[in-house]
Protein backbone atom coordinates (compact mmCIF):
# COMPACT_ATOMS: atom_id res chain seq x y z
CA MET A 1 0.09 0.18 0.08
CA HIS A 2 1.08 3.57 -0.95
CA VAL A 3 0.58 6.35 1.82
CA VAL A 4 -0.44 9.94 0.02
CA SER A 5 -0.53 13.19 2.11
CA ASP A 6 0.04 16.60 0.85
CA ARG A 7 2.64 19.44 1.84
CA GLY A 8 0.17 21.44 4.58
CA MET A 9 1.38 18.42 6.94
CA ASP A 10 4.73 18.96 8.66
CA LEU A 11 6.93 16.04 9.70
CA SER A 12 10.41 16.03 10.94
CA ALA A 13 13.41 14.68 9.48
CA GLN A 14 13.51 12.04 12.32
CA GLN A 15 9.64 11.16 11.87
CA MET A 16 10.12 10.85 8.44
CA ALA A 17 13.27 8.62 8.55
CA GLY A 18 12.81 4.88 6.87
CA LEU A 19 9.11 5.62 5.95
CA ASP A 20 7.82 5.49 2.46
CA ILE A 21 5.67 8.68 1.86
CA HIS A 22 4.58 10.19 -1.39
CA LEU A 23 3.38 14.04 -0.98
CA ALA A 24 1.08 15.88 -3.80
CA PRO A 25 2.53 19.39 -4.26
CA LEU A 26 0.96 22.54 -3.04
CA THR A 27 2.11 25.66 -4.56
CA ILE A 28 2.63 29.09 -3.41
CA ASN A 29 2.14 32.60 -5.71
CA LEU A 30 4.10 35.31 -4.61
CA ASP A 31 5.17 38.49 -6.68
CA GLY A 32 4.05 36.93 -9.85
CA LYS A 33 6.24 33.58 -9.12
CA THR A 34 5.59 30.48 -8.32
CA TYR A 35 6.76 27.79 -6.04
CA VAL A 36 6.34 24.18 -5.03
CA SER A 37 6.01 24.75 -1.13
CA GLY A 38 8.94 22.67 0.55
CA VAL A 39 10.55 21.20 -2.65
CA ASP A 40 11.52 24.57 -4.46
CA ILE A 41 11.32 26.75 -1.15
CA GLN A 42 12.07 26.31 1.95
CA PRO A 43 10.58 28.00 5.60
CA ASP A 44 13.38 30.69 5.97
CA GLU A 45 13.23 31.14 2.27
CA PHE A 46 9.57 31.73 2.15
CA TYR A 47 10.43 34.28 4.91
CA GLU A 48 12.86 36.00 3.66
CA LEU A 49 11.15 36.70 0.47
CA LEU A 50 7.88 37.69 2.10
CA ALA A 51 9.67 40.51 4.06
CA SER A 52 10.47 42.42 0.82
CA ALA A 53 7.01 41.33 -0.89
CA GLU A 54 4.99 43.66 -2.72
CA GLY A 55 1.96 41.83 -2.52
CA MET A 56 0.44 39.35 -0.28
CA PRO A 57 0.91 35.40 -1.23
CA THR A 58 -1.53 33.17 -2.43
CA THR A 59 -1.74 29.46 -2.68
CA SER A 60 -2.55 26.92 -5.41
CA LEU A 61 -3.14 23.20 -4.61
CA PRO A 62 -3.04 19.85 -7.18
CA SER A 63 -5.32 19.89 -10.10
CA PRO A 64 -7.11 16.37 -10.60
CA GLY A 65 -4.98 16.07 -13.17
CA ASP A 66 -1.84 16.32 -10.77
CA PHE A 67 -3.59 14.08 -8.77
CA ALA A 68 -4.30 11.24 -11.57
CA GLN A 69 -0.41 11.56 -12.67
CA LEU A 70 0.38 10.78 -9.28
CA PHE A 71 -2.08 7.70 -8.68
CA ARG A 72 -1.52 6.56 -11.85
CA LYS A 73 2.06 6.10 -11.07
CA LEU A 74 2.14 4.73 -7.73
CA ALA A 75 -0.56 1.87 -8.82
CA LYS A 76 1.52 0.66 -11.27
CA THR A 77 3.34 -0.82 -8.41
CA ASP A 78 0.46 -1.19 -6.23
CA PRO A 79 -2.86 -0.43 -6.56
CA GLU A 80 -3.83 0.39 -3.07
CA ILE A 81 -3.11 4.14 -2.00
CA LEU A 82 -4.41 5.53 1.12
CA PHE A 83 -4.36 9.41 0.80
CA VAL A 84 -4.17 11.37 4.35
CA HIS A 85 -5.10 14.84 3.48
CA ILE A 86 -5.14 18.25 4.71
CA SER A 87 -8.88 18.89 6.90
CA SER A 88 -11.37 19.24 4.13
CA GLY A 89 -12.90 22.18 5.93
CA LEU A 90 -9.72 24.32 5.33
CA SER A 91 -8.73 23.51 2.04
CA SER A 92 -10.27 21.71 -1.08
CA THR A 93 -7.46 19.51 -1.65
CA PHE A 94 -9.63 16.35 -0.92
CA ASN A 95 -12.29 17.24 -3.76
CA SER A 96 -9.50 17.74 -5.78
CA ALA A 97 -7.60 14.17 -5.38
CA ARG A 98 -11.30 12.54 -5.56
CA GLU A 99 -11.56 14.16 -9.00
CA GLY A 100 -8.24 12.63 -9.73
CA ALA A 101 -8.89 9.18 -8.43
CA LYS A 102 -11.81 9.31 -10.88
CA LEU A 103 -9.32 9.18 -13.54
CA VAL A 104 -7.62 6.31 -12.45
CA PRO A 105 -9.57 3.18 -12.15
CA GLU A 106 -6.99 0.69 -12.03
CA ALA A 107 -5.80 2.33 -8.41
CA ILE A 108 -7.54 1.90 -5.28
CA VAL A 109 -7.90 4.89 -3.40
CA HIS A 110 -8.90 5.56 0.18
CA PHE A 111 -9.22 8.92 1.73
CA PHE A 112 -8.91 9.93 5.64
CA ASP A 113 -9.75 13.43 6.34
CA THR A 114 -7.10 14.01 8.55
CA MET A 115 -9.35 17.29 9.87
CA THR A 116 -6.21 19.31 10.56
CA LEU A 117 -3.06 20.48 8.84
CA SER A 118 0.82 20.77 10.02
CA GLY A 119 2.30 18.77 12.83
CA ALA A 120 -0.91 17.04 14.06
CA GLN A 121 -1.73 15.80 10.46
CA GLY A 122 1.76 14.63 10.25
CA TRP A 123 1.48 12.57 13.25
CA GLN A 124 -1.38 11.00 11.40
CA VAL A 125 0.26 10.71 7.94
CA GLU A 126 3.53 8.93 10.04
CA ALA A 127 1.11 6.45 11.72
CA ALA A 128 -0.60 5.38 8.11
CA ALA A 129 3.18 4.84 6.72
CA ARG A 130 4.24 2.89 9.92
CA ALA A 131 1.42 0.83 9.73
CA ALA A 132 1.71 0.18 5.99
CA LEU A 133 5.60 -0.61 6.08
CA ALA A 134 4.45 -3.07 9.22
CA GLY A 135 1.57 -4.49 6.64
CA TRP A 136 -1.64 -3.77 8.34
CA PRO A 137 -4.89 -3.91 5.91
CA VAL A 138 -6.49 -0.52 5.44
CA ASP A 139 -9.20 -1.12 7.65
CA LYS A 140 -6.55 -1.64 10.54
CA ILE A 141 -4.95 1.85 9.74
CA ILE A 142 -8.25 3.94 9.32
CA ALA A 143 -9.03 2.50 12.52
CA LEU A 144 -5.30 3.56 14.02
CA LEU A 145 -5.75 7.03 12.16
CA LYS A 146 -9.47 7.52 13.42
CA ARG A 147 -7.87 7.09 16.89
CA VAL A 148 -4.97 9.73 16.98
CA ARG A 149 -7.60 11.99 15.29
CA GLU A 150 -9.81 11.85 18.53
CA ILE A 151 -7.24 12.49 20.53
CA THR A 152 -4.85 15.00 19.46
CA GLU A 153 -5.66 18.68 19.63
CA THR A 154 -3.64 21.66 17.75
CA VAL A 155 -3.83 25.17 18.83
CA PHE A 156 -2.00 27.78 17.65
CA THR A 157 -1.90 31.82 17.87
CA LEU A 158 -0.53 34.72 15.67
CA PRO A 159 0.66 38.18 16.17
CA ASP A 160 -1.53 39.84 13.32
CA LEU A 161 -4.28 38.33 11.37
CA LYS A 162 -4.38 39.88 8.14
CA TYR A 163 -3.19 36.77 6.36
CA LEU A 164 -5.65 34.70 7.64
CA ILE A 165 -8.45 37.22 7.06
CA HIS A 166 -6.55 37.98 3.12
CA GLY A 167 -6.88 33.76 2.31
CA GLY A 168 -10.72 34.00 3.46
CA ARG A 169 -9.72 31.20 6.59
CA ILE A 170 -11.30 33.26 9.79
CA SER A 171 -14.40 35.48 8.99
CA HIS A 172 -13.37 39.27 7.81
CA LEU A 173 -15.78 40.89 10.51
CA SER A 174 -14.30 39.28 13.46
CA GLY A 175 -10.83 39.24 11.73
CA LEU A 176 -10.82 43.30 11.40
CA LEU A 177 -12.51 43.62 14.92
CA ALA A 178 -10.06 41.76 16.30
CA SER A 179 -7.33 43.67 14.51
CA VAL A 180 -8.83 46.98 16.03
CA LEU A 181 -8.84 45.56 19.06
CA GLN A 182 -5.14 44.65 18.93
CA ILE A 183 -7.05 40.93 20.14
CA LYS A 184 -4.54 37.71 19.84
CA PRO A 185 -6.90 34.85 19.37
CA LEU A 186 -6.28 31.39 20.49
CA ILE A 187 -7.14 29.09 17.31
CA GLY A 188 -8.10 25.47 17.34
CA VAL A 189 -9.25 23.23 14.44
CA SER A 190 -12.90 21.57 14.86
CA LYS A 191 -13.14 18.05 14.77
CA GLU A 192 -16.57 18.32 13.73
CA ASP A 193 -16.13 20.69 10.57
CA GLY A 194 -12.15 20.73 10.39
CA LYS A 195 -11.84 24.19 10.52
CA TYR A 196 -10.69 26.97 12.37
CA TYR A 197 -12.35 28.60 15.70
CA GLU A 198 -11.57 30.42 18.65
CA ARG A 199 -10.63 29.01 21.95
CA ALA A 200 -9.72 31.97 23.71
CA LYS A 201 -8.04 34.93 23.35
CA ALA A 202 -5.67 37.65 24.88
CA ARG A 203 -4.57 41.52 24.78
CA THR A 204 -1.20 41.24 23.98
CA PHE A 205 0.86 38.34 21.58
CA LYS A 206 3.35 37.32 24.69
CA ARG A 207 0.15 36.61 26.86
CA ALA A 208 -1.43 34.51 24.14
CA VAL A 209 1.27 32.63 24.07
CA ALA A 210 1.32 31.87 27.43
CA ALA A 211 -2.25 31.05 27.44
CA LEU A 212 -1.72 28.17 24.67
CA VAL A 213 -0.71 26.48 27.93
CA ASP A 214 -4.09 26.89 29.45
CA VAL A 215 -5.85 26.05 27.05
CA THR A 216 -3.49 22.80 26.78
CA ALA A 217 -4.41 22.21 30.45
CA GLU A 218 -8.45 22.26 29.54
CA ASP A 219 -8.02 19.38 27.61
CA CYS A 220 -5.30 17.30 29.27
CA PRO A 221 -4.73 17.90 33.46
CA ALA A 222 -1.68 19.86 34.47
CA GLY A 223 1.29 17.63 35.27
CA SER A 224 -0.45 14.86 33.30
CA PRO A 225 2.33 13.10 30.63
CA LEU A 226 2.01 14.70 26.99
CA ARG A 227 2.86 14.07 23.67
CA VAL A 228 3.59 17.32 22.29
CA GLN A 229 5.31 19.09 19.38
CA VAL A 230 5.74 22.92 19.10
CA MET A 231 5.52 24.36 15.56
CA HIS A 232 6.68 28.08 14.47
CA ALA A 233 6.61 30.56 11.27
CA ASN A 234 10.11 31.78 11.76
CA ASN A 235 9.50 32.42 15.34
CA SER A 236 12.08 30.27 16.90
CA GLU A 237 12.56 32.34 20.23
CA GLY A 238 8.38 32.16 20.96
CA ALA A 239 8.42 28.39 19.90
CA GLY A 240 11.23 28.04 22.69
CA TRP A 241 9.87 29.56 25.24
CA LEU A 242 6.33 27.97 24.43
CA ARG A 243 8.38 24.82 25.05
CA ASP A 244 9.89 25.88 28.33
CA LEU A 245 6.72 27.05 29.87
CA LEU A 246 4.61 23.39 28.59
CA ASP A 247 7.18 21.76 30.54
CA LYS A 248 6.64 23.82 33.65
CA ARG A 249 3.06 22.19 33.67
CA PHE A 250 3.27 18.71 32.28
CA LYS A 251 5.67 15.81 31.49
CA CYS A 252 6.06 16.31 28.24
CA SER A 253 7.34 13.56 25.96
CA TRP A 254 8.78 15.81 23.31
CA LEU A 255 8.54 15.71 19.10
CA PRO A 256 11.39 18.14 17.45
CA ILE A 257 10.41 21.66 17.33
CA GLY A 258 9.55 22.52 13.66
CA SER A 259 9.28 24.95 11.49
CA ILE A 260 4.93 25.09 9.45
CA ALA A 261 5.43 24.20 5.66
CA PRO A 262 6.06 27.87 3.42
CA VAL A 263 2.22 27.07 1.86
CA LEU A 264 0.78 27.42 5.53
CA GLY A 265 2.99 30.02 6.15
CA ALA A 266 0.93 31.65 3.15
CA HIS A 267 -2.32 31.78 5.19
CA THR A 268 -0.62 33.28 8.58
CA GLY A 269 2.58 35.06 7.87
CA PRO A 270 5.41 34.75 9.88
CA GLY A 271 5.15 35.13 14.30
CA LEU A 272 2.82 32.00 14.48
CA VAL A 273 3.71 29.81 17.41
CA GLY A 274 1.38 26.53 17.86
CA LEU A 275 1.72 23.16 19.48
CA ALA A 276 -0.14 19.74 18.57
CA TYR A 277 -0.39 17.68 21.79
CA ALA A 278 -2.31 14.20 23.31
CA PRO A 279 -1.98 12.69 26.33
CA LEU A 280 0.80 10.14 25.84
CA ASN A 281 -1.08 7.42 27.98
CA ALA A 282 -3.73 7.21 25.25
CA TYR A 283 -1.74 7.72 22.30
CA PRO A 284 -1.99 4.45 20.70
CA GLU A 285 1.23 2.20 20.40
CA LEU A 286 2.44 2.53 16.90
CA PRO A 287 4.04 -0.03 14.63
């Protein structure tokens, strides 16, 4: 079985080691140039370009033809394909992939909606790839992914809402009000529809980063063991500070701190700090 995902997910090199994961491209358009996220532009390069850009970045997803080409190539060695994709509430990637799969009758494509993105999506992709490598059947893999999805949360904050507003990921009205009031929202991803929702808010960005720990404590008792990964958008200082705060409140089993994919940074801008977390004792053992 082939495991496919998209470049809306984030996995460290350590997590990717030894795994066979195929990634569908997501592209960034900035000042008249197009870049494939994570292929011909990396996070540091993207934020350097963004700082001097004249316009706002936009993103594009693969066409059904792009997906058909990928699925057709993979089906030559194994017709069974599992596509573990970015939340359908935040991207139309799933719709494009579904149409592409219709063009490749020789492929048996299974779809799994992670209902999230970035590091939390990466956790599900990693679980799928490890299970596929171990020879698990697709129904058993999907059951594993459902469990990981159920117990994993994502929450983040960011200093400037203009990129999310421009990308249409939050209400223009609520975003503009927050900007006027200088309120920094703490944003989660709903397991009901896979869309962003506000979990809390703070008056300053520094307070918002600290409040990420309070939000985590609403889901997992303080002092409990956590599987946790901090992610950021060109803000390693903020990421390190968040990690220190989490260590004071929880028994953390750490995954590497990472930069979010450039295609995600195009929708958030620089400065974002967030985390994916799950109760360690409830996290399923991966093969």
